[in-house]
Amino acid sequence: MKKLLYLPLLFVLFTCQFTQAQTNNTSFSVSEKKIHQIDQLFKQYLDSGWIKGITANISVDGKTVYSKAFGNQIGRPFKTDDILRIASQTKAITSVAVMMLLEEGKFSLDDPISKYLPTFKNPQILDKFNPKDTTYTTKPAKGEITIRELLTHTSGLGYAQIGSPEMQAIYAKADISAGFVNHKKLLETDIDKLGKLPLSFEPGQKWQYSLGMDVLGRLVEVTSGLNLDQFFRERIFIPLGMNDTYFALPKNKQPRLSSVYTEDPKTKAVIPWKDGAVNGSTINYPINENGYFAGGAGLVSTAKDYGIFLQMLLNGGEYKGKRMLSKNSVALMTQNQMGKIPFGANYFGLGFEVVSDKGSKKLGQTAGSYGWGGFFGSTYWVDPQKKMTAQIYVQQSPLSHGQLPNQFKAIIYQDAK
C-alpha cells in the first residue's frame, strides 16, 4: 500500500524543473545521475516513514538546476512554492540588516551593545542556580557584550526553550521566548528584559547558540528608526523581489503555508505537530498576529525567495542591479570571526557557519562555503567556488534521521574537484 501511495508522487504530485548546468567559469555541474540519486534519497526517507514531505532547490551560476517537492502536506501535496517556516534561517537576513547599517556608520562591530540597548550595561554572569525554585546568584562580568559577539554567538547569552536547562528556566520565568510566540508581545519588551538577566559565561569566551540575533533585531530597530518588519520589507524584501517572505503572513497567502510535523516521543512515528511540543511555542506564529518580530527565528519564506537572498550573497551583495551590501561586507561575514574559539572542524563568521579546510574533508563540501539551517529540518549553504546555492526543507522537528542534509551534500559533491 505504501508503494502505491508514493508511486504517484514520483510522476505526478511533485513540481520538477531541472537543467544540467555547466558554466564557462566552473566545471561543476549537477548531472542527471546526481538528480536521480537525490530523488531516490528523498523517496527512501518517504517510503521509510521518516518524513512526510520535502522540497529542495539547487542553483549553479544563477540558474536553477534542481527544484522539486515530494510527499504531502495535511490534505494536499507538498509543492515547491509552499510558504515555509524558515526559523533560524531568519538569522542570516538579520545579519545582512546589521551589516547594511554598519556600512551606513550607525555603529561599529566592536561597540558594546549597551551603547544602543542600555539594559545590557554592566552584565552579570550566572554563578549558582537552584533548579527547585529557579533562583540564582550572579557575579559581575569582566567585559560587555559587543555587536560582533552577538553575530558570532559568543556573547554569553543562552537560548529560550532550546538552550541549557538553567537558561531555559530563567528565560521562561521572564516570559522570553525563542520566537514562535503564542501571544501578543513586542521585541522591545523582551529584549529590554533579556538585558537584565544573567549570562552563561564571560562574553567572548566560547560559542553558544543564543538569542543574540533577536537582540540584533532590536539593534536594527533602534538605529534605523523602523521596526524589524518594516526594515526587512523596505530595505531587503521589496528591492530583491522576495514577495513571499513575511513575519505575519497575509490571509490570501495562508493556504500556501506548509504543514509542520513532529515525532511521537515513544514510537518515533511522524505525526502532525500539535502545540505543546515545545513549551510556550506555537506553529501558528506566522498567522496569529502576535506582533513579535524575532530576528532569530520569526520569518516564513519560499525556496524561491530564499534562493534570491542566497544568490545576492553569492554575487557579493548584489542581485539584478540592486546592491544590498558591499563585497567587503560579504567577505567579512563569510570568514572566521571567532579567532581561536573552538567550533568543531569549522568556523563561525558574522551569522554563518563557514567550512574550513579541515571541515571540507568530511563530505567534500568546498572550503569557504557558508550556511546554516532552521529548527524545522532545513539546511542551506552557499558555495562561492562552485557558484552554487542549495536548500533543503522538511518542516519537521525533531528529525531522528538528521543525516539527510549530509547525504544530500555527499551526492552533490561526489565528483567535485
Protein backbone atom coordinates (compact mmCIF):
# COMPACT_ATOMS: atom_id res chain seq x y z
CA MET A 1 0.00 0.00 0.00
CA LYS A 2 2.84 2.35 0.86
CA LYS A 3 4.44 1.82 -2.54
CA LEU A 4 1.13 2.57 -4.25
CA LEU A 5 0.80 5.72 -2.13
CA TYR A 6 4.11 7.15 -3.20
CA LEU A 7 4.21 5.96 -6.79
CA PRO A 8 2.13 8.96 -7.95
CA LEU A 9 4.49 11.24 -6.08
CA LEU A 10 7.29 10.28 -8.41
CA PHE A 11 5.39 11.07 -11.57
CA VAL A 12 2.50 13.41 -10.81
CA LEU A 13 2.42 15.21 -7.47
CA PHE A 14 5.77 16.93 -7.40
CA THR A 15 6.81 20.01 -9.29
CA CYS A 16 10.00 19.49 -11.24
CA GLN A 17 12.33 21.79 -13.03
CA PHE A 18 15.92 20.99 -13.83
CA THR A 19 18.63 21.69 -16.29
CA GLN A 20 22.17 20.46 -16.29
CA ALA A 21 24.37 23.43 -15.50
CA GLN A 22 27.92 23.85 -16.61
CA THR A 23 29.42 27.30 -16.92
CA ASN A 24 32.49 28.78 -18.52
CA ASN A 25 33.87 29.65 -15.11
CA THR A 26 33.50 26.31 -13.33
CA SER A 27 33.49 22.64 -14.24
CA PHE A 28 30.96 21.91 -11.53
CA SER A 29 27.58 20.56 -12.60
CA VAL A 30 24.55 18.77 -11.21
CA SER A 31 24.25 15.86 -13.59
CA GLU A 32 21.21 13.74 -14.38
CA LYS A 33 22.88 10.97 -12.37
CA LYS A 34 23.03 13.22 -9.27
CA ILE A 35 19.45 14.32 -9.79
CA HIS A 36 18.33 10.69 -9.90
CA GLN A 37 20.30 9.89 -6.75
CA ILE A 38 18.79 12.85 -4.90
CA ASP A 39 15.30 11.74 -5.99
CA GLN A 40 15.99 8.23 -4.72
CA LEU A 41 17.35 9.55 -1.41
CA PHE A 42 14.18 11.53 -0.76
CA LYS A 43 12.00 8.61 -1.84
CA GLN A 44 13.83 6.35 0.63
CA TYR A 45 13.03 8.73 3.50
CA LEU A 46 9.39 8.96 2.47
CA ASP A 47 8.97 5.22 1.97
CA SER A 48 10.62 4.55 5.33
CA GLY A 49 8.15 6.85 7.07
CA TRP A 50 10.93 9.07 8.41
CA ILE A 51 9.45 12.24 6.89
CA LYS A 52 6.12 13.29 5.36
CA GLY A 53 7.41 15.70 2.75
CA ILE A 54 10.45 17.51 1.44
CA THR A 55 11.42 20.22 -1.01
CA ALA A 56 14.89 21.05 -2.27
CA ASN A 57 16.47 23.60 -4.55
CA ILE A 58 19.91 23.89 -6.13
CA SER A 59 21.20 26.76 -8.24
CA VAL A 60 24.51 26.86 -10.13
CA ASP A 61 25.83 30.07 -11.66
CA GLY A 62 22.47 31.74 -11.09
CA LYS A 63 20.45 29.02 -12.86
CA THR A 64 18.07 26.63 -11.11
CA VAL A 65 19.27 23.07 -11.73
CA TYR A 66 17.05 21.28 -9.21
CA SER A 67 13.66 22.30 -7.81
CA LYS A 68 11.40 19.52 -6.62
CA ALA A 69 8.90 18.70 -3.91
CA PHE A 70 7.92 15.23 -2.71
CA GLY A 71 5.34 13.95 -0.26
CA ASN A 72 2.30 15.54 1.28
CA GLN A 73 1.15 18.35 3.48
CA ILE A 74 -2.01 17.71 5.51
CA GLY A 75 -4.60 17.27 2.80
CA ARG A 76 -2.51 18.22 -0.22
CA PRO A 77 0.79 17.54 -1.99
CA PHE A 78 3.99 19.27 -0.92
CA LYS A 79 4.75 21.95 -3.56
CA THR A 80 7.86 23.89 -4.49
CA ASP A 81 6.07 27.21 -3.89
CA ASP A 82 4.90 26.30 -0.38
CA ILE A 83 5.48 29.02 2.18
CA LEU A 84 7.82 27.51 4.76
CA ARG A 85 8.69 28.27 8.36
CA ILE A 86 12.37 29.06 7.91
CA ALA A 87 13.01 29.55 11.65
CA SER A 88 16.74 30.19 12.22
CA GLN A 89 17.29 30.97 8.56
CA THR A 90 15.89 34.33 9.67
CA LYS A 91 19.27 34.92 11.33
CA ALA A 92 21.08 35.37 8.02
CA ILE A 93 18.63 38.10 7.00
CA THR A 94 19.07 39.86 10.34
CA SER A 95 22.84 39.64 9.88
CA VAL A 96 22.55 41.32 6.48
CA ALA A 97 20.39 44.07 8.01
CA VAL A 98 23.06 44.65 10.67
CA MET A 99 25.80 44.87 8.05
CA MET A 100 23.76 47.31 5.97
CA LEU A 101 23.52 49.65 8.96
CA LEU A 102 27.20 49.09 9.74
CA GLU A 103 28.02 50.34 6.25
CA GLU A 104 25.93 53.44 6.97
CA GLY A 105 28.06 54.21 10.02
CA LYS A 106 25.31 53.55 12.57
CA PHE A 107 27.69 51.56 14.79
CA SER A 108 30.93 49.53 14.82
CA LEU A 109 31.24 45.79 15.22
CA ASP A 110 33.16 46.09 18.47
CA ASP A 111 30.83 48.61 20.05
CA PRO A 112 29.22 47.38 23.28
CA ILE A 113 25.56 46.62 22.65
CA SER A 114 24.72 48.65 25.78
CA LYS A 115 25.60 51.79 23.82
CA TYR A 116 22.34 51.27 21.92
CA LEU A 117 20.38 49.00 24.28
CA PRO A 118 21.11 50.35 27.80
CA THR A 119 19.67 47.41 29.77
CA PHE A 120 22.71 45.37 28.68
CA LYS A 121 25.02 47.68 30.64
CA ASN A 122 27.12 46.00 33.38
CA PRO A 123 26.22 42.37 32.57
CA GLN A 124 26.20 39.69 35.23
CA ILE A 125 27.34 36.05 34.93
CA LEU A 126 25.24 33.21 36.34
CA ASP A 127 27.04 31.83 39.39
CA LYS A 128 24.76 29.44 41.31
CA PHE A 129 21.37 28.17 40.18
CA ASN A 130 18.70 26.40 42.24
CA PRO A 131 16.57 24.21 39.90
CA LYS A 132 13.89 23.75 42.57
CA ASP A 133 12.74 27.37 42.54
CA THR A 134 14.83 28.84 39.64
CA THR A 135 16.56 31.29 41.98
CA TYR A 136 20.18 32.14 41.25
CA THR A 137 23.16 34.24 42.20
CA THR A 138 25.43 36.18 39.87
CA LYS A 139 28.83 37.77 39.67
CA PRO A 140 29.90 40.79 37.58
CA ALA A 141 31.17 40.11 34.07
CA LYS A 142 34.63 41.34 33.22
CA GLY A 143 33.55 42.86 29.92
CA GLU A 144 30.49 43.94 27.96
CA ILE A 145 28.82 42.19 25.03
CA THR A 146 29.85 43.54 21.63
CA ILE A 147 27.90 43.52 18.39
CA ARG A 148 30.50 41.16 16.89
CA GLU A 149 29.96 38.70 19.76
CA LEU A 150 26.21 38.74 19.14
CA LEU A 151 26.77 37.96 15.45
CA THR A 152 29.10 35.06 16.31
CA HIS A 153 27.07 33.60 19.21
CA THR A 154 29.93 34.23 21.64
CA SER A 155 28.07 36.78 23.78
CA GLY A 156 27.26 34.54 26.75
CA LEU A 157 23.51 34.72 26.11
CA GLY A 158 21.52 31.50 26.16
CA TYR A 159 18.51 30.32 24.16
CA ALA A 160 14.93 30.20 25.36
CA GLN A 161 13.22 26.79 25.12
CA ILE A 162 16.13 25.02 23.39
CA GLY A 163 19.16 26.12 25.43
CA SER A 164 20.63 24.86 28.71
CA PRO A 165 18.15 23.88 31.44
CA GLU A 166 19.27 26.80 33.59
CA MET A 167 18.82 29.44 30.89
CA GLN A 168 15.55 27.91 29.70
CA ALA A 169 14.17 28.23 33.23
CA ILE A 170 15.40 31.79 33.71
CA TYR A 171 14.00 32.92 30.36
CA ALA A 172 10.69 31.11 30.85
CA LYS A 173 10.18 32.87 34.18
CA ALA A 174 10.68 36.21 32.38
CA ASP A 175 8.34 35.18 29.51
CA ILE A 176 11.13 35.38 26.95
CA SER A 177 10.74 33.02 24.01
CA ALA A 178 12.69 31.76 21.02
CA GLY A 179 10.41 33.48 18.54
CA PHE A 180 7.50 31.09 17.93
CA VAL A 181 5.31 33.37 20.03
CA ASN A 182 1.81 32.30 21.05
CA HIS A 183 0.54 35.65 22.37
CA LYS A 184 0.90 39.34 21.64
CA LYS A 185 4.18 40.88 22.70
CA LEU A 186 6.87 43.26 21.45
CA LEU A 187 10.51 42.64 20.61
CA GLU A 188 11.43 45.81 22.51
CA THR A 189 9.87 44.49 25.73
CA ASP A 190 11.55 41.09 25.57
CA ILE A 191 14.98 42.43 24.70
CA ASP A 192 14.85 45.03 27.48
CA LYS A 193 14.08 42.20 29.92
CA LEU A 194 16.78 39.98 28.44
CA GLY A 195 19.42 42.64 29.04
CA LYS A 196 18.80 42.46 32.78
CA LEU A 197 19.19 38.68 33.02
CA PRO A 198 22.45 36.82 33.66
CA LEU A 199 24.80 35.47 31.02
CA SER A 200 26.01 31.87 30.90
CA PHE A 201 29.67 32.88 30.66
CA GLU A 202 32.01 35.79 30.03
CA PRO A 203 31.42 37.46 26.66
CA GLY A 204 33.89 36.26 24.04
CA GLN A 205 34.79 33.10 25.93
CA LYS A 206 33.13 30.40 23.80
CA TRP A 207 30.45 29.66 21.19
CA GLN A 208 26.90 29.03 22.39
CA TYR A 209 23.79 29.22 20.23
CA SER A 210 21.77 32.10 21.57
CA LEU A 211 19.16 34.84 21.34
CA GLY A 212 21.89 37.13 20.07
CA MET A 213 20.20 37.61 16.70
CA ASP A 214 16.97 38.66 18.42
CA VAL A 215 19.00 41.29 20.26
CA LEU A 216 20.46 42.41 16.94
CA GLY A 217 16.96 42.64 15.51
CA ARG A 218 16.23 45.19 18.22
CA LEU A 219 19.51 46.97 17.39
CA VAL A 220 18.27 47.31 13.80
CA GLU A 221 15.06 48.88 15.08
CA VAL A 222 16.80 51.37 17.38
CA THR A 223 19.43 52.50 14.87
CA SER A 224 17.20 52.60 11.79
CA GLY A 225 14.02 54.08 13.29
CA LEU A 226 11.95 51.27 11.72
CA ASN A 227 10.56 48.16 13.33
CA LEU A 228 12.23 44.98 12.07
CA ASP A 229 9.27 44.03 9.88
CA GLN A 230 9.38 47.40 8.13
CA PHE A 231 13.17 47.35 7.73
CA PHE A 232 13.19 43.88 6.20
CA ARG A 233 10.33 44.72 3.85
CA GLU A 234 11.51 48.15 2.71
CA ARG A 235 15.25 47.58 2.64
CA ILE A 236 15.59 43.90 1.68
CA PHE A 237 12.45 42.07 0.54
CA ILE A 238 10.94 44.64 -1.83
CA PRO A 239 14.26 45.57 -3.52
CA LEU A 240 15.14 41.89 -4.04
CA GLY A 241 11.64 40.84 -5.11
CA MET A 242 11.19 38.47 -2.17
CA ASN A 243 7.42 38.62 -2.43
CA ASP A 244 6.57 35.63 -0.21
CA THR A 245 8.72 36.38 2.85
CA TYR A 246 6.98 37.66 5.99
CA PHE A 247 6.78 37.77 9.76
CA ALA A 248 2.97 37.98 9.55
CA LEU A 249 1.65 36.05 6.55
CA PRO A 250 -1.24 37.78 4.72
CA LYS A 251 -4.54 35.90 4.76
CA ASN A 252 -4.63 35.47 0.98
CA LYS A 253 -1.34 33.52 1.16
CA GLN A 254 -2.13 31.41 4.22
CA PRO A 255 -3.46 28.45 2.17
CA ARG A 256 0.13 28.02 0.90
CA LEU A 257 1.60 27.80 4.42
CA SER A 258 3.21 24.42 4.94
CA SER A 259 2.11 21.84 7.48
CA VAL A 260 4.51 21.01 10.30
CA TYR A 261 5.28 17.55 11.66
CA THR A 262 6.91 16.10 14.74
CA GLU A 263 7.73 12.63 16.06
CA ASP A 264 5.87 10.59 18.62
CA PRO A 265 8.25 10.57 21.62
CA LYS A 266 7.83 6.81 22.13
CA THR A 267 7.41 5.30 18.67
CA LYS A 268 9.20 8.00 16.60
CA ALA A 269 6.29 7.85 14.17
CA VAL A 270 5.92 11.10 12.23
CA ILE A 271 2.69 12.88 13.21
CA PRO A 272 1.20 16.36 12.70
CA TRP A 273 2.63 18.94 15.08
CA LYS A 274 0.38 19.95 17.94
CA ASP A 275 1.15 22.98 20.07
CA GLY A 276 2.75 21.99 23.34
CA ALA A 277 5.59 20.05 21.76
CA VAL A 278 7.82 22.96 22.81
CA ASN A 279 6.56 24.79 25.88
CA GLY A 280 5.34 28.32 25.24
CA SER A 281 5.61 27.99 21.48
CA THR A 282 3.18 27.67 18.61
CA ILE A 283 3.48 26.79 14.94
CA ASN A 284 0.77 29.38 14.30
CA TYR A 285 3.15 32.28 14.88
CA PRO A 286 3.05 33.42 11.21
CA ILE A 287 -0.76 33.74 11.32
CA ASN A 288 -1.71 34.58 14.92
CA GLU A 289 -0.98 38.33 14.69
CA ASN A 290 1.35 38.25 17.70
CA GLY A 291 3.22 41.41 16.60
CA TYR A 292 6.58 39.89 17.57
CA PHE A 293 9.40 40.29 15.04
CA ALA A 294 12.01 37.76 16.13
CA GLY A 295 15.28 38.39 14.31
CA GLY A 296 16.44 34.92 15.21
CA ALA A 297 13.52 32.76 14.09
CA GLY A 298 10.32 34.55 13.05
CA LEU A 299 10.13 34.53 9.25
CA VAL A 300 8.34 32.41 6.69
CA SER A 301 9.55 32.26 3.10
CA THR A 302 9.76 30.08 -0.01
CA ALA A 303 12.69 28.24 -1.53
CA LYS A 304 12.50 30.69 -4.44
CA ASP A 305 12.62 33.78 -2.21
CA TYR A 306 15.39 32.44 0.00
CA GLY A 307 17.27 31.39 -3.11
CA ILE A 308 17.19 35.02 -4.28
CA PHE A 309 18.62 36.09 -0.93
CA LEU A 310 21.39 33.47 -1.15
CA GLN A 311 22.17 34.44 -4.74
CA MET A 312 22.59 38.04 -3.61
CA LEU A 313 25.22 36.88 -1.12
CA LEU A 314 26.89 34.66 -3.73
CA ASN A 315 27.05 37.69 -6.04
CA GLY A 316 28.93 39.65 -3.39
CA GLY A 317 25.97 41.64 -2.10
CA GLU A 318 24.15 42.43 -5.37
CA TYR A 319 21.17 40.97 -7.22
CA LYS A 320 19.82 42.15 -10.57
CA GLY A 321 21.26 45.62 -10.18
CA LYS A 322 20.19 46.02 -6.55
CA ARG A 323 23.15 46.26 -4.19
CA MET A 324 22.40 45.30 -0.60
CA LEU A 325 25.94 45.08 0.71
CA SER A 326 29.48 45.80 -0.41
CA LYS A 327 31.68 42.89 -1.42
CA ASN A 328 33.86 43.68 1.57
CA SER A 329 30.94 43.25 3.98
CA VAL A 330 30.02 39.87 2.48
CA ALA A 331 33.68 38.85 2.78
CA LEU A 332 33.68 39.83 6.46
CA MET A 333 30.50 37.85 7.10
CA THR A 334 31.87 34.71 5.49
CA GLN A 335 35.27 34.35 7.13
CA ASN A 336 36.36 33.22 10.58
CA GLN A 337 35.33 35.86 13.14
CA MET A 338 35.92 33.72 16.24
CA GLY A 339 39.69 33.67 16.40
CA LYS A 340 40.72 30.50 18.22
CA ILE A 341 37.37 29.84 19.92
CA PRO A 342 36.53 26.18 19.11
CA PHE A 343 33.66 25.42 16.73
CA GLY A 344 34.17 21.81 15.70
CA ALA A 345 36.06 21.42 12.45
CA ASN A 346 34.70 24.68 11.00
CA TYR A 347 34.50 28.39 11.84
CA PHE A 348 31.75 30.87 12.51
CA GLY A 349 31.51 34.17 10.66
CA LEU A 350 29.06 37.03 11.12
CA GLY A 351 25.88 34.97 11.01
CA PHE A 352 27.08 31.83 9.22
CA GLU A 353 28.99 28.61 9.76
CA VAL A 354 31.99 28.65 7.43
CA VAL A 355 33.55 25.42 6.15
CA SER A 356 37.28 25.18 6.88
CA ASP A 357 39.91 23.15 5.02
CA LYS A 358 39.60 20.51 7.74
CA GLY A 359 35.80 20.57 7.61
CA SER A 360 35.79 20.21 3.83
CA LYS A 361 37.25 16.72 4.14
CA LYS A 362 34.11 15.41 5.85
CA LEU A 363 31.76 15.46 2.84
CA GLY A 364 33.79 17.12 0.13
CA GLN A 365 32.00 20.43 0.59
CA THR A 366 34.21 23.25 -0.63
CA ALA A 367 36.24 25.15 1.96
CA GLY A 368 34.84 28.66 2.19
CA SER A 369 31.24 27.52 1.77
CA TYR A 370 28.92 29.04 4.33
CA GLY A 371 25.39 28.46 5.59
CA TRP A 372 23.18 27.32 8.46
CA GLY A 373 19.71 25.84 8.92
CA GLY A 374 16.46 26.01 10.82
CA PHE A 375 14.53 24.33 13.62
CA PHE A 376 12.06 22.58 11.30
CA GLY A 377 14.64 20.47 9.46
CA SER A 378 16.01 22.96 6.94
CA THR A 379 19.57 23.44 5.71
CA TYR A 380 21.08 25.89 3.25
CA TRP A 381 24.53 26.79 2.04
CA VAL A 382 26.38 28.96 -0.47
CA ASP A 383 29.47 27.66 -2.26
CA PRO A 384 31.33 30.61 -3.83
CA GLN A 385 33.90 28.41 -5.59
CA LYS A 386 31.27 26.26 -7.30
CA LYS A 387 28.95 29.29 -7.74
CA MET A 388 26.22 27.23 -6.09
CA THR A 389 23.42 27.72 -3.60
CA ALA A 390 21.48 24.79 -2.13
CA GLN A 391 18.47 24.44 0.16
CA ILE A 392 16.51 21.59 1.73
CA TYR A 393 13.27 21.85 3.75
CA VAL A 394 11.47 19.10 5.69
CA GLN A 395 9.17 21.09 8.04
CA GLN A 396 9.62 18.63 10.88
CA SER A 397 11.14 18.65 14.36
CA PRO A 398 12.66 16.59 15.77
CA LEU A 399 14.18 14.73 12.85
CA SER A 400 15.66 11.48 14.15
CA HIS A 401 17.23 10.75 10.79
CA GLY A 402 19.09 14.03 10.76
CA GLN A 403 21.78 12.73 8.44
CA LEU A 404 19.62 13.65 5.44
CA PRO A 405 21.31 17.03 4.76
CA ASN A 406 24.75 15.41 4.84
CA GLN A 407 23.61 12.69 2.45
CA PHE A 408 22.24 15.41 0.17
CA LYS A 409 25.62 17.20 0.27
CA ALA A 410 27.56 13.99 -0.34
CA ILE A 411 25.61 13.33 -3.55
CA ILE A 412 26.13 16.87 -4.83
CA TYR A 413 29.87 16.85 -4.15
CA GLN A 414 30.61 13.23 -5.11
CA ASP A 415 32.78 14.10 -8.11
CA ALA A 416 33.72 17.68 -7.26
CA LYS A 417 37.30 18.73 -7.84
